Amino acid sequence: MNTTTLAAFLAVDLLLVFTPGADWAYAISAGLRGRSVGPAVTGLIAGHAAYALVAVAGLAVIVASSPATLTALTVAGAGYLLWLGWGVLSSPAVPAAGEESADASRLQVALKGFGISGLNPKALLLYFSLFPQFIDPATGWPVAAQTGLLSTVHLTACAVVYVGVGVLARTVLSTRPSAARAVTRISGAMMIAIGAFLLVERLAS
């Protein structure tokens, strides 16, 4: 894989990663609740890494060619986003005073992050639709190696952006409770809107 192809992929990938969505909403929410952003981002990246392993194993082609499987994953992801969005709207985050969350709480934060990105149809479509456009078996690189390299670039971009989003939310909004509530409600509404759109689009197709 040459550097031109890799640079082109990075440019497209960054556009997608910088597009606010469920991952952004969760990173913002985690930052506003006074937790370390680390566990939340770790969970989000773990969800993307799970898709990366599937893609490297070559199962992306199988899933992408199975409408029933793709529909089931999309519906599951949309339903999860609806549930999370409602939870965020019902209990908007505010900057928390005092110590960081306990270890058990950090684990729950990470697991929820894994669920958000692991069931996010955006991540599913990224690996199964975008990656094949930048993979060329004629280059001499094994397809698995190319997929692994692209996955590493994507995971790195996600980690940097999500940490930045979470830290920025915590720093900028930490002394503005009303603004924090507004941002969290917007994040929750965004989750619900994305989930509803994906659910309607998939069931109508």
Protein backbone atom coordinates (compact mmCIF):
# COMPACT_ATOMS: atom_id res chain seq x y z
CA MET A 1 0.00 0.00 0.00
CA ASN A 2 1.54 3.32 -1.07
CA THR A 3 1.56 6.54 0.91
CA THR A 4 -0.82 8.27 -1.52
CA THR A 5 -3.54 5.71 -0.89
CA LEU A 6 -2.94 5.86 2.84
CA ALA A 7 -3.11 9.66 2.85
CA ALA A 8 -6.34 9.60 0.84
CA PHE A 9 -7.86 7.15 3.31
CA LEU A 10 -6.77 9.28 6.27
CA ALA A 11 -8.39 12.37 4.75
CA VAL A 12 -11.71 10.60 4.20
CA ASP A 13 -11.55 8.87 7.58
CA LEU A 14 -10.91 12.13 9.44
CA LEU A 15 -13.95 13.70 7.79
CA LEU A 16 -16.07 10.85 9.16
CA VAL A 17 -14.47 10.86 12.60
CA PHE A 18 -14.90 14.62 12.93
CA THR A 19 -18.61 14.29 12.10
CA PRO A 20 -20.53 14.46 15.40
CA GLY A 21 -22.49 11.33 16.20
CA ALA A 22 -23.17 8.82 18.94
CA ASP A 23 -19.46 8.45 19.81
CA TRP A 24 -19.07 12.20 20.17
CA ALA A 25 -22.20 12.42 22.29
CA TYR A 26 -20.92 9.75 24.65
CA ALA A 27 -17.46 11.31 24.95
CA ILE A 28 -19.08 14.65 25.79
CA SER A 29 -21.41 13.04 28.32
CA ALA A 30 -18.55 11.17 30.02
CA GLY A 31 -16.50 14.34 30.28
CA LEU A 32 -19.38 16.31 31.76
CA ARG A 33 -20.13 13.72 34.43
CA GLY A 34 -16.73 14.33 36.01
CA ARG A 35 -15.28 10.98 35.06
CA SER A 36 -11.93 10.47 33.45
CA VAL A 37 -12.48 10.49 29.72
CA GLY A 38 -10.09 7.54 29.44
CA PRO A 39 -12.55 4.73 30.28
CA ALA A 40 -15.18 6.10 27.92
CA VAL A 41 -12.76 6.44 25.02
CA THR A 42 -11.26 3.02 25.78
CA GLY A 43 -14.70 1.48 25.45
CA LEU A 44 -15.46 3.34 22.23
CA ILE A 45 -12.15 2.29 20.68
CA ALA A 46 -12.68 -1.32 21.80
CA GLY A 47 -15.96 -1.37 19.87
CA HIS A 48 -14.23 -0.12 16.73
CA ALA A 49 -11.40 -2.61 17.30
CA ALA A 50 -13.93 -5.46 17.33
CA TYR A 51 -15.05 -4.44 13.84
CA ALA A 52 -11.40 -4.18 12.82
CA LEU A 53 -10.78 -7.79 13.84
CA VAL A 54 -13.84 -8.89 11.88
CA ALA A 55 -12.65 -6.97 8.83
CA VAL A 56 -9.12 -8.36 9.06
CA ALA A 57 -10.56 -11.87 9.31
CA GLY A 58 -12.37 -11.29 6.02
CA LEU A 59 -15.85 -11.59 7.46
CA ALA A 60 -16.77 -8.09 6.30
CA VAL A 61 -17.53 -9.42 2.84
CA ILE A 62 -19.80 -12.10 4.26
CA VAL A 63 -21.80 -9.71 6.43
CA ALA A 64 -22.02 -7.04 3.73
CA SER A 65 -23.41 -9.62 1.30
CA SER A 66 -26.07 -10.76 3.78
CA PRO A 67 -28.94 -8.24 3.91
CA ALA A 68 -30.57 -10.06 6.84
CA THR A 69 -27.43 -9.87 8.98
CA LEU A 70 -26.83 -6.23 8.10
CA THR A 71 -30.46 -5.39 8.92
CA ALA A 72 -30.28 -7.16 12.28
CA LEU A 73 -27.09 -5.33 13.27
CA THR A 74 -28.47 -1.97 12.15
CA VAL A 75 -31.74 -2.44 14.03
CA ALA A 76 -29.86 -3.51 17.17
CA GLY A 77 -27.60 -0.48 16.95
CA ALA A 78 -30.51 1.90 16.32
CA GLY A 79 -32.46 0.49 19.27
CA TYR A 80 -29.44 0.86 21.55
CA LEU A 81 -28.99 4.48 20.50
CA LEU A 82 -32.67 5.21 21.20
CA TRP A 83 -32.35 3.70 24.69
CA LEU A 84 -29.16 5.60 25.48
CA GLY A 85 -30.52 8.85 24.11
CA TRP A 86 -33.62 8.61 26.27
CA GLY A 87 -31.44 7.92 29.32
CA VAL A 88 -29.32 11.00 28.61
CA LEU A 89 -32.39 13.20 28.15
CA SER A 90 -33.96 11.86 31.34
CA SER A 91 -30.81 12.50 33.39
CA PRO A 92 -28.73 15.27 31.78
CA ALA A 93 -25.13 15.38 32.93
CA VAL A 94 -23.76 18.25 34.96
CA PRO A 95 -20.16 18.89 35.99
CA ALA A 96 -19.55 16.74 39.07
CA ALA A 97 -17.55 17.89 42.02
CA GLY A 98 -15.26 15.74 44.09
CA GLU A 99 -13.33 12.65 43.24
CA GLU A 100 -13.35 10.58 40.12
CA SER A 101 -15.69 7.62 39.78
CA ALA A 102 -14.82 4.33 41.43
CA ASP A 103 -13.21 1.49 39.52
CA ALA A 104 -16.53 -0.35 39.09
CA SER A 105 -18.04 2.81 37.68
CA ARG A 106 -15.16 3.19 35.26
CA LEU A 107 -15.75 -0.35 34.05
CA GLN A 108 -19.42 0.41 33.44
CA VAL A 109 -18.43 3.53 31.52
CA ALA A 110 -16.07 1.51 29.32
CA LEU A 111 -18.63 -1.24 28.71
CA LYS A 112 -21.26 1.28 27.70
CA GLY A 113 -18.77 2.90 25.32
CA PHE A 114 -18.07 -0.52 23.81
CA GLY A 115 -21.78 -1.03 23.28
CA ILE A 116 -22.22 2.36 21.63
CA SER A 117 -19.46 1.97 19.06
CA GLY A 118 -19.85 -1.80 18.74
CA LEU A 119 -23.51 -1.44 17.76
CA ASN A 120 -23.05 1.78 15.81
CA PRO A 121 -24.14 1.26 12.18
CA LYS A 122 -21.80 4.09 11.17
CA ALA A 123 -18.80 1.99 12.26
CA LEU A 124 -20.29 -1.06 10.57
CA LEU A 125 -20.65 0.74 7.25
CA LEU A 126 -17.21 2.32 7.58
CA TYR A 127 -15.45 -1.03 7.69
CA PHE A 128 -17.68 -2.86 5.25
CA SER A 129 -18.16 -0.11 2.67
CA LEU A 130 -15.24 2.33 2.87
CA PHE A 131 -12.28 0.05 3.50
CA PRO A 132 -12.66 -2.05 0.31
CA GLN A 133 -12.24 1.10 -1.79
CA PHE A 134 -8.67 1.54 -0.50
CA ILE A 135 -7.59 -2.10 -0.61
CA ASP A 136 -5.79 -3.30 -3.72
CA PRO A 137 -4.64 -6.95 -3.84
CA ALA A 138 -2.39 -6.08 -6.81
CA THR A 139 0.00 -4.10 -4.59
CA GLY A 140 1.56 -7.28 -3.24
CA TRP A 141 0.39 -6.63 0.31
CA PRO A 142 -1.92 -9.31 1.77
CA VAL A 143 -5.48 -8.02 2.05
CA ALA A 144 -5.41 -8.74 5.79
CA ALA A 145 -2.28 -6.62 6.21
CA GLN A 146 -3.80 -3.71 4.29
CA THR A 147 -7.00 -3.95 6.32
CA GLY A 148 -4.98 -4.05 9.52
CA LEU A 149 -3.04 -0.93 8.55
CA LEU A 150 -6.19 1.01 7.65
CA SER A 151 -7.79 -0.13 10.90
CA THR A 152 -4.81 1.09 12.91
CA VAL A 153 -5.01 4.50 11.25
CA HIS A 154 -8.73 4.69 11.94
CA LEU A 155 -8.44 3.62 15.59
CA THR A 156 -5.68 6.16 16.19
CA ALA A 157 -7.73 8.95 14.65
CA CYS A 158 -10.76 8.00 16.76
CA ALA A 159 -8.74 7.90 19.98
CA VAL A 160 -7.18 11.33 19.42
CA VAL A 161 -10.43 13.01 18.39
CA TYR A 162 -12.60 11.44 21.12
CA VAL A 163 -10.12 12.27 23.88
CA GLY A 164 -9.99 15.83 22.59
CA VAL A 165 -13.79 16.09 22.53
CA GLY A 166 -14.17 14.70 26.04
CA VAL A 167 -11.42 16.82 27.57
CA LEU A 168 -12.65 19.96 25.81
CA ALA A 169 -16.19 19.36 27.04
CA ARG A 170 -14.97 18.85 30.59
CA THR A 171 -12.67 21.88 30.53
CA VAL A 172 -14.91 24.37 28.79
CA LEU A 173 -18.21 23.37 30.40
CA SER A 174 -16.98 22.43 33.87
CA THR A 175 -17.99 25.81 35.30
CA ARG A 176 -21.16 26.20 33.24
CA PRO A 177 -23.84 23.82 34.59
CA SER A 178 -26.63 25.25 32.43
CA ALA A 179 -24.52 24.98 29.29
CA ALA A 180 -23.53 21.44 30.29
CA ARG A 181 -27.17 20.41 30.63
CA ALA A 182 -27.97 21.95 27.25
CA VAL A 183 -25.07 20.18 25.52
CA THR A 184 -26.02 16.87 27.12
CA ARG A 185 -29.66 17.22 26.08
CA ILE A 186 -28.53 17.99 22.54
CA SER A 187 -26.32 14.88 22.64
CA GLY A 188 -29.23 12.76 23.84
CA ALA A 189 -31.54 14.17 21.18
CA MET A 190 -28.85 13.48 18.58
CA MET A 191 -28.66 9.84 19.67
CA ILE A 192 -32.43 9.48 19.44
CA ALA A 193 -32.58 11.19 16.03
CA ILE A 194 -29.79 9.02 14.60
CA GLY A 195 -31.32 5.86 16.03
CA ALA A 196 -34.81 6.69 14.75
CA PHE A 197 -33.52 7.60 11.29
CA LEU A 198 -31.52 4.41 10.96
CA LEU A 199 -34.41 2.30 12.23
CA VAL A 200 -36.94 3.83 9.85
CA GLU A 201 -34.54 3.74 6.90
CA ARG A 202 -33.60 0.10 7.45
CA LEU A 203 -37.15 -1.17 8.08
CA ALA A 204 -38.48 0.80 5.09
CA SER A 205 -35.90 -0.62 2.70
